[in-house]
Each structure stands twice: as structure tokens, then as C-alpha cells.
């Protein structure tokens, strides 16, 4: 999904007064996702562009172990 598409979705919810109930997820498909394919910068990008307009930024990585989840949390998801 492009940044423009994400912005349009948030705009739609904002027009209905429901954007603060919206959670946008950064998600990498694959089972399990190799560490080098996890898009950590996507979390940062979503947070910078949409973080003040939505309730939360989430992360779904489909990775092995707990380190990636901790990293995603530190980045703001």
C-alpha cells in the first residue's frame, strides 16, 4: 500500500470523525519473515506522516523471536 493510499484511508475516517479510533499497521508478509526483509523504516514513516491523526501505529512482522517486536516497540508501534 502506498503512502497516498494510507493517507486516503485516514482522510476517509477523519471525515467521519473516527480517525482517532483507527490503528494503522506496518506489516511484512511472509512466514516467517527473514530479518533483512522486515521494513522497520515503514514504522517510522507511518508515524511521521500519520501518527498524530490516528490512534496508534501497530506492527505485525511474522518473524521469529522477540527482538524484532522489541525493536518495533522502540520505534513507536
C-alpha atoms as a PDB file:
ATOM      1  CA  UNK A   1       0.000   0.000   0.000  1.00  0.00           C
ATOM      2  CA  UNK A   2       1.369   3.389  -0.925  1.00  0.00           C
ATOM      3  CA  UNK A   3       1.608   6.371   1.399  1.00  0.00           C
ATOM      4  CA  UNK A   4      -1.054   8.106  -0.693  1.00  0.00           C
ATOM      5  CA  UNK A   5      -3.444   5.181  -0.184  1.00  0.00           C
ATOM      6  CA  UNK A   6      -2.841   5.241   3.561  1.00  0.00           C
ATOM      7  CA  UNK A   7      -3.492   8.970   3.650  1.00  0.00           C
ATOM      8  CA  UNK A   8      -6.766   8.500   1.742  1.00  0.00           C
ATOM      9  CA  UNK A   9      -7.904   5.889   4.249  1.00  0.00           C
ATOM     10  CA  UNK A  10      -7.103   8.190   7.173  1.00  0.00           C
ATOM     11  CA  UNK A  11      -8.855  11.063   5.355  1.00  0.00           C
ATOM     12  CA  UNK A  12     -11.972   8.907   4.985  1.00  0.00           C
ATOM     13  CA  UNK A  13     -12.028   8.072   8.691  1.00  0.00           C
ATOM     14  CA  UNK A  14     -11.248  11.669   9.619  1.00  0.00           C
ATOM     15  CA  UNK A  15     -14.180  12.914   7.503  1.00  0.00           C
ATOM     16  CA  UNK A  16     -16.411  10.604   9.567  1.00  0.00           C
ATOM     17  CA  UNK A  17     -14.839  11.746  12.850  1.00  0.00           C
ATOM     18  CA  UNK A  18     -13.419   8.270  13.520  1.00  0.00           C
ATOM     19  CA  UNK A  19      -9.711   8.690  12.751  1.00  0.00           C
ATOM     20  CA  UNK A  20      -8.744   8.561  16.444  1.00  0.00           C
ATOM     21  CA  UNK A  21     -10.224   5.047  16.571  1.00  0.00           C
ATOM     22  CA  UNK A  22      -8.022   3.911  13.674  1.00  0.00           C
ATOM     23  CA  UNK A  23      -4.874   1.825  14.039  1.00  0.00           C
ATOM     24  CA  UNK A  24      -2.531   1.677  11.026  1.00  0.00           C
ATOM     25  CA  UNK A  25      -0.287  -1.382  10.861  1.00  0.00           C
ATOM     26  CA  UNK A  26       3.115  -1.871   9.348  1.00  0.00           C
ATOM     27  CA  UNK A  27       3.029  -5.465   8.161  1.00  0.00           C
ATOM     28  CA  UNK A  28       5.500  -7.581   6.207  1.00  0.00           C
ATOM     29  CA  UNK A  29       4.016 -10.663   4.568  1.00  0.00           C
ATOM     30  CA  UNK A  30       5.810 -13.969   4.795  1.00  0.00           C
ATOM     31  CA  UNK A  31       6.016 -16.792   7.291  1.00  0.00           C
ATOM     32  CA  UNK A  32       8.492 -16.346   8.847  1.00  0.00           C
ATOM     33  CA  UNK A  33       9.926 -13.107   7.508  1.00  0.00           C
ATOM     34  CA  UNK A  34      13.731 -13.057   7.299  1.00  0.00           C
ATOM     35  CA  UNK A  35      15.193 -10.294   9.470  1.00  0.00           C
ATOM     36  CA  UNK A  36      16.635  -8.450   6.441  1.00  0.00           C
ATOM     37  CA  UNK A  37      13.130  -8.180   4.915  1.00  0.00           C
ATOM     38  CA  UNK A  38      11.483  -6.505   7.908  1.00  0.00           C
ATOM     39  CA  UNK A  39      10.666  -2.924   6.961  1.00  0.00           C
ATOM     40  CA  UNK A  40      11.437  -1.061  10.183  1.00  0.00           C
ATOM     41  CA  UNK A  41      11.589   2.281   8.378  1.00  0.00           C
ATOM     42  CA  UNK A  42       7.934   1.816   7.415  1.00  0.00           C
ATOM     43  CA  UNK A  43       7.039   2.199  11.103  1.00  0.00           C
ATOM     44  CA  UNK A  44       8.965   5.468  11.262  1.00  0.00           C
ATOM     45  CA  UNK A  45       7.438   6.709   8.006  1.00  0.00           C
ATOM     46  CA  UNK A  46       3.863   5.952   9.070  1.00  0.00           C
ATOM     47  CA  UNK A  47       4.450   7.533  12.478  1.00  0.00           C
ATOM     48  CA  UNK A  48       5.885  10.724  10.949  1.00  0.00           C
ATOM     49  CA  UNK A  49       3.142  11.113   8.333  1.00  0.00           C
ATOM     50  CA  UNK A  50       0.052   9.828  10.117  1.00  0.00           C
ATOM     51  CA  UNK A  51       0.911   9.331  13.785  1.00  0.00           C
ATOM     52  CA  UNK A  52      -0.902  12.420  15.045  1.00  0.00           C
ATOM     53  CA  UNK A  53      -4.022  11.632  13.009  1.00  0.00           C
ATOM     54  CA  UNK A  54      -4.674   8.066  14.177  1.00  0.00           C
ATOM     55  CA  UNK A  55      -5.000   6.271  17.494  1.00  0.00           C
ATOM     56  CA  UNK A  56      -1.909   4.061  17.175  1.00  0.00           C
ATOM     57  CA  UNK A  57       0.686   2.627  14.822  1.00  0.00           C
ATOM     58  CA  UNK A  58       0.812  -1.159  15.001  1.00  0.00           C
ATOM     59  CA  UNK A  59       3.295  -3.767  13.834  1.00  0.00           C
ATOM     60  CA  UNK A  60       2.747  -7.275  12.525  1.00  0.00           C
ATOM     61  CA  UNK A  61       6.018  -8.865  11.484  1.00  0.00           C
ATOM     62  CA  UNK A  62       5.520 -12.631  11.269  1.00  0.00           C
ATOM     63  CA  UNK A  63       9.097 -13.044  12.434  1.00  0.00           C
ATOM     64  CA  UNK A  64      10.885 -15.485  14.697  1.00  0.00           C
ATOM     65  CA  UNK A  65      11.936 -14.498  18.204  1.00  0.00           C
ATOM     66  CA  UNK A  66      11.186 -11.420  20.277  1.00  0.00           C
ATOM     67  CA  UNK A  67      13.940  -8.978  19.271  1.00  0.00           C
ATOM     68  CA  UNK A  68      12.056  -7.640  16.250  1.00  0.00           C
ATOM     69  CA  UNK A  69       8.966  -6.937  18.348  1.00  0.00           C
ATOM     70  CA  UNK A  70      11.056  -5.016  20.878  1.00  0.00           C
ATOM     71  CA  UNK A  71      12.662  -3.012  18.067  1.00  0.00           C
ATOM     72  CA  UNK A  72       9.224  -2.202  16.585  1.00  0.00           C
ATOM     73  CA  UNK A  73       8.046  -1.036  20.013  1.00  0.00           C
ATOM     74  CA  UNK A  74      11.079   1.212  20.421  1.00  0.00           C
ATOM     75  CA  UNK A  75      10.328   2.743  17.006  1.00  0.00           C
ATOM     76  CA  UNK A  76       6.840   3.659  18.165  1.00  0.00           C
ATOM     77  CA  UNK A  77       4.498   0.872  17.145  1.00  0.00           C
END
